[in-house]
Amino acid sequence: VEAHTRFLKEVKLDAPLSVHLQILGVCEKKLHVWYGMSEGDDGPEVATMESLWLFYDGKAGKVGPIASEVRRKAAELVAAQGERATPDGAGRHIAL
């Protein structure tokens, strides 16, 4: 339903890149996800994307609950991340 992409640094065509994912939260109908891309394994962050997903029930024709198994696995991933800090830049809004 919403995504914010930030391009922080230009990289060369053949540069090694590393992408990591963090699930920031999950509830009945929503999933909040963060992706970060860095140069190599330990290099500077070059791009990020934060997205909020709503789950659509095609039969009902509207937003519906996430399948319980999917929601359970997402919650397990959040718990496995431990007390990771919220990434810098997460939760920003667009404004003039």
N, C-alpha and C. Protein backbone atom coordinates (compact mmCIF):
# COMPACT_ATOMS: atom_id res chain seq x y z
N VAL A 1 0.81 -1.20 0.00
CA VAL A 1 0.00 0.00 0.00
C VAL A 1 0.86 1.27 0.00
N GLU A 2 2.07 1.14 0.54
CA GLU A 2 2.95 2.31 0.57
C GLU A 2 4.40 1.83 0.56
N ALA A 3 5.27 2.57 -0.12
CA ALA A 3 6.69 2.25 -0.14
C ALA A 3 7.50 3.53 -0.24
N HIS A 4 8.60 3.55 0.48
CA HIS A 4 9.53 4.68 0.43
C HIS A 4 10.90 4.12 0.05
N THR A 5 11.43 4.58 -1.07
CA THR A 5 12.74 4.14 -1.54
C THR A 5 13.71 5.30 -1.45
N ARG A 6 14.90 5.02 -0.92
CA ARG A 6 15.95 6.04 -0.85
C ARG A 6 17.19 5.52 -1.57
N PHE A 7 17.71 6.31 -2.49
CA PHE A 7 18.97 6.02 -3.16
C PHE A 7 20.00 6.93 -2.51
N LEU A 8 20.92 6.34 -1.75
CA LEU A 8 21.82 7.12 -0.91
C LEU A 8 23.20 7.35 -1.53
N LYS A 9 23.62 6.44 -2.39
CA LYS A 9 24.97 6.54 -2.95
C LYS A 9 24.99 5.80 -4.27
N GLU A 10 25.65 6.39 -5.25
CA GLU A 10 25.81 5.73 -6.54
C GLU A 10 26.84 4.60 -6.40
N VAL A 11 26.56 3.49 -7.08
CA VAL A 11 27.52 2.37 -7.09
C VAL A 11 27.88 2.02 -8.52
N LYS A 12 29.05 1.47 -8.70
CA LYS A 12 29.50 1.07 -10.04
C LYS A 12 28.77 -0.20 -10.46
N LEU A 13 28.66 -0.41 -11.76
CA LEU A 13 27.93 -1.52 -12.33
C LEU A 13 28.38 -2.87 -11.77
N ASP A 14 29.67 -3.07 -11.56
CA ASP A 14 30.18 -4.36 -11.11
C ASP A 14 30.45 -4.41 -9.60
N ALA A 15 29.96 -3.45 -8.85
CA ALA A 15 30.21 -3.42 -7.40
C ALA A 15 29.49 -4.57 -6.71
N PRO A 16 30.15 -5.23 -5.75
CA PRO A 16 29.48 -6.28 -4.98
C PRO A 16 28.46 -5.63 -4.04
N LEU A 17 27.27 -6.19 -3.98
CA LEU A 17 26.21 -5.63 -3.15
C LEU A 17 25.68 -6.69 -2.19
N SER A 18 25.19 -6.24 -1.07
CA SER A 18 24.59 -7.10 -0.06
C SER A 18 23.23 -6.52 0.30
N VAL A 19 22.21 -7.35 0.35
CA VAL A 19 20.86 -6.90 0.69
C VAL A 19 20.41 -7.59 1.98
N HIS A 20 19.87 -6.81 2.90
CA HIS A 20 19.33 -7.40 4.12
C HIS A 20 17.89 -6.97 4.31
N LEU A 21 17.15 -7.77 5.03
CA LEU A 21 15.73 -7.56 5.25
C LEU A 21 15.47 -7.56 6.75
N GLN A 22 14.59 -6.67 7.17
CA GLN A 22 14.16 -6.64 8.57
C GLN A 22 12.65 -6.46 8.59
N ILE A 23 11.96 -7.34 9.27
CA ILE A 23 10.52 -7.17 9.44
C ILE A 23 10.33 -6.29 10.66
N LEU A 24 9.76 -5.11 10.45
CA LEU A 24 9.59 -4.15 11.54
C LEU A 24 8.35 -4.42 12.36
N GLY A 25 7.37 -5.09 11.76
CA GLY A 25 6.16 -5.40 12.51
C GLY A 25 5.17 -6.19 11.67
N VAL A 26 4.29 -6.87 12.37
CA VAL A 26 3.23 -7.64 11.72
C VAL A 26 2.00 -7.59 12.62
N CYS A 27 0.84 -7.46 12.00
CA CYS A 27 -0.41 -7.54 12.74
C CYS A 27 -1.42 -8.28 11.86
N GLU A 28 -2.66 -8.26 12.22
CA GLU A 28 -3.67 -9.08 11.55
C GLU A 28 -3.70 -8.91 10.03
N LYS A 29 -3.62 -7.67 9.54
CA LYS A 29 -3.77 -7.41 8.11
C LYS A 29 -2.58 -6.73 7.47
N LYS A 30 -1.52 -6.40 8.26
CA LYS A 30 -0.41 -5.60 7.73
C LYS A 30 0.94 -6.21 8.06
N LEU A 31 1.89 -5.93 7.16
CA LEU A 31 3.28 -6.32 7.35
C LEU A 31 4.14 -5.10 7.02
N HIS A 32 5.07 -4.76 7.92
CA HIS A 32 5.94 -3.59 7.78
C HIS A 32 7.36 -4.11 7.57
N VAL A 33 7.94 -3.83 6.40
CA VAL A 33 9.21 -4.44 6.00
C VAL A 33 10.24 -3.37 5.65
N TRP A 34 11.51 -3.64 5.96
CA TRP A 34 12.64 -2.77 5.65
C TRP A 34 13.69 -3.56 4.88
N TYR A 35 14.15 -2.99 3.78
CA TYR A 35 15.24 -3.58 3.00
C TYR A 35 16.38 -2.58 2.97
N GLY A 36 17.61 -3.06 3.14
CA GLY A 36 18.78 -2.21 3.03
C GLY A 36 19.77 -2.84 2.07
N MET A 37 20.40 -2.02 1.24
CA MET A 37 21.43 -2.51 0.31
C MET A 37 22.73 -1.80 0.65
N SER A 38 23.80 -2.60 0.78
CA SER A 38 25.11 -2.07 1.12
C SER A 38 26.13 -2.51 0.09
N GLU A 39 27.23 -1.75 0.02
CA GLU A 39 28.36 -2.17 -0.81
C GLU A 39 29.08 -3.28 -0.06
N GLY A 40 29.16 -4.45 -0.68
CA GLY A 40 29.81 -5.59 -0.03
C GLY A 40 29.08 -5.98 1.25
N ASP A 41 29.77 -6.75 2.10
CA ASP A 41 29.14 -7.21 3.34
C ASP A 41 29.16 -6.15 4.44
N ASP A 42 30.18 -5.32 4.46
CA ASP A 42 30.33 -4.35 5.55
C ASP A 42 30.44 -2.92 5.07
N GLY A 43 30.15 -2.67 3.81
CA GLY A 43 30.30 -1.33 3.26
C GLY A 43 29.15 -0.41 3.62
N PRO A 44 29.20 0.81 3.13
CA PRO A 44 28.16 1.79 3.43
C PRO A 44 26.82 1.41 2.79
N GLU A 45 25.77 1.84 3.44
CA GLU A 45 24.42 1.61 2.89
C GLU A 45 24.25 2.50 1.66
N VAL A 46 23.77 1.91 0.57
CA VAL A 46 23.64 2.65 -0.68
C VAL A 46 22.18 2.88 -1.08
N ALA A 47 21.26 2.07 -0.53
CA ALA A 47 19.84 2.25 -0.84
C ALA A 47 19.01 1.56 0.24
N THR A 48 17.81 2.09 0.45
CA THR A 48 16.87 1.45 1.38
C THR A 48 15.47 1.49 0.79
N MET A 49 14.63 0.59 1.26
CA MET A 49 13.22 0.64 0.92
C MET A 49 12.42 0.16 2.12
N GLU A 50 11.45 0.96 2.49
CA GLU A 50 10.53 0.61 3.57
C GLU A 50 9.16 0.44 2.93
N SER A 51 8.47 -0.63 3.27
CA SER A 51 7.15 -0.82 2.68
C SER A 51 6.15 -1.33 3.70
N LEU A 52 4.93 -0.95 3.50
CA LEU A 52 3.81 -1.42 4.31
C LEU A 52 2.89 -2.19 3.39
N TRP A 53 2.70 -3.45 3.70
CA TRP A 53 1.86 -4.31 2.89
C TRP A 53 0.53 -4.52 3.56
N LEU A 54 -0.54 -4.47 2.79
CA LEU A 54 -1.87 -4.89 3.23
C LEU A 54 -2.19 -6.15 2.46
N PHE A 55 -2.83 -7.09 3.12
CA PHE A 55 -3.16 -8.35 2.47
C PHE A 55 -4.57 -8.31 1.92
N TYR A 56 -4.68 -8.67 0.66
CA TYR A 56 -5.94 -8.57 -0.07
C TYR A 56 -6.58 -9.95 -0.19
N ASP A 57 -7.85 -10.03 0.17
CA ASP A 57 -8.63 -11.26 0.03
C ASP A 57 -9.38 -11.16 -1.29
N GLY A 58 -8.91 -11.89 -2.30
CA GLY A 58 -9.51 -11.82 -3.63
C GLY A 58 -10.94 -12.31 -3.67
N LYS A 59 -11.27 -13.27 -2.85
CA LYS A 59 -12.65 -13.78 -2.82
C LYS A 59 -13.61 -12.75 -2.23
N ALA A 60 -13.17 -12.09 -1.16
CA ALA A 60 -14.01 -11.08 -0.52
C ALA A 60 -13.95 -9.74 -1.24
N GLY A 61 -12.89 -9.53 -2.04
CA GLY A 61 -12.74 -8.27 -2.75
C GLY A 61 -12.35 -7.11 -1.87
N LYS A 62 -11.63 -7.40 -0.77
CA LYS A 62 -11.19 -6.33 0.13
C LYS A 62 -10.00 -6.81 0.95
N VAL A 63 -9.41 -5.90 1.68
CA VAL A 63 -8.30 -6.24 2.56
C VAL A 63 -8.81 -7.23 3.61
N GLY A 64 -8.00 -8.24 3.85
CA GLY A 64 -8.39 -9.26 4.82
C GLY A 64 -7.20 -9.67 5.67
N PRO A 65 -7.44 -10.57 6.60
CA PRO A 65 -6.36 -11.00 7.48
C PRO A 65 -5.30 -11.82 6.74
N ILE A 66 -4.08 -11.70 7.21
CA ILE A 66 -2.98 -12.52 6.70
C ILE A 66 -3.27 -13.95 7.13
N ALA A 67 -2.98 -14.90 6.28
CA ALA A 67 -3.15 -16.31 6.65
C ALA A 67 -2.42 -16.56 7.97
N SER A 68 -3.05 -17.29 8.87
CA SER A 68 -2.50 -17.46 10.22
C SER A 68 -1.09 -18.05 10.20
N GLU A 69 -0.81 -18.99 9.30
CA GLU A 69 0.53 -19.58 9.22
C GLU A 69 1.57 -18.55 8.78
N VAL A 70 1.20 -17.71 7.82
CA VAL A 70 2.11 -16.66 7.36
C VAL A 70 2.35 -15.65 8.47
N ARG A 71 1.29 -15.25 9.16
CA ARG A 71 1.42 -14.28 10.25
C ARG A 71 2.27 -14.86 11.38
N ARG A 72 2.09 -16.14 11.69
CA ARG A 72 2.87 -16.79 12.74
C ARG A 72 4.35 -16.81 12.37
N LYS A 73 4.67 -17.17 11.13
CA LYS A 73 6.08 -17.22 10.69
C LYS A 73 6.70 -15.82 10.70
N ALA A 74 5.94 -14.81 10.27
CA ALA A 74 6.45 -13.43 10.29
C ALA A 74 6.72 -13.00 11.73
N ALA A 75 5.82 -13.34 12.65
CA ALA A 75 6.02 -12.99 14.06
C ALA A 75 7.25 -13.71 14.63
N GLU A 76 7.49 -14.95 14.21
CA GLU A 76 8.69 -15.68 14.63
C GLU A 76 9.94 -14.98 14.13
N LEU A 77 9.92 -14.49 12.89
CA LEU A 77 11.07 -13.77 12.35
C LEU A 77 11.32 -12.48 13.13
N VAL A 78 10.26 -11.77 13.47
CA VAL A 78 10.41 -10.54 14.26
C VAL A 78 11.05 -10.89 15.60
N ALA A 79 10.57 -11.95 16.26
CA ALA A 79 11.12 -12.35 17.55
C ALA A 79 12.58 -12.78 17.42
N ALA A 80 12.92 -13.48 16.34
CA ALA A 80 14.29 -13.95 16.13
C ALA A 80 15.27 -12.79 15.91
N GLN A 81 14.77 -11.66 15.44
CA GLN A 81 15.63 -10.49 15.23
C GLN A 81 16.09 -9.88 16.55
N GLY A 82 15.42 -10.25 17.62
CA GLY A 82 15.78 -9.72 18.94
C GLY A 82 15.46 -8.25 19.04
N GLU A 83 16.25 -7.55 19.78
CA GLU A 83 16.03 -6.12 20.03
C GLU A 83 16.79 -5.26 19.03
N ARG A 84 16.73 -5.62 17.75
CA ARG A 84 17.39 -4.80 16.74
C ARG A 84 16.79 -3.41 16.72
N ALA A 85 17.64 -2.45 16.58
CA ALA A 85 17.18 -1.06 16.52
C ALA A 85 16.39 -0.83 15.23
N THR A 86 15.45 0.07 15.29
CA THR A 86 14.73 0.47 14.09
C THR A 86 15.73 1.16 13.16
N PRO A 87 15.79 0.76 11.91
CA PRO A 87 16.77 1.35 10.99
C PRO A 87 16.62 2.87 10.87
N ASP A 88 17.75 3.54 10.71
CA ASP A 88 17.75 4.97 10.49
C ASP A 88 16.97 5.25 9.21
N GLY A 89 16.02 6.12 9.27
CA GLY A 89 15.22 6.45 8.10
C GLY A 89 13.86 5.77 8.08
N ALA A 90 13.65 4.77 8.92
CA ALA A 90 12.34 4.09 8.96
C ALA A 90 11.29 5.00 9.58
N GLY A 91 10.08 4.92 9.07
CA GLY A 91 8.98 5.70 9.62
C GLY A 91 8.90 7.13 9.10
N ARG A 92 9.71 7.46 8.12
CA ARG A 92 9.67 8.81 7.56
C ARG A 92 8.41 9.00 6.75
N HIS A 93 8.02 10.22 6.59
CA HIS A 93 6.89 10.53 5.71
C HIS A 93 7.35 11.53 4.67
N ILE A 94 6.58 11.64 3.63
CA ILE A 94 6.91 12.54 2.53
C ILE A 94 6.16 13.85 2.76
N ALA A 95 6.87 14.93 2.67
CA ALA A 95 6.25 16.25 2.86
C ALA A 95 7.09 17.30 2.14
N LEU A 96 6.47 18.43 1.85
CA LEU A 96 7.19 19.57 1.28
C LEU A 96 7.66 20.48 2.39
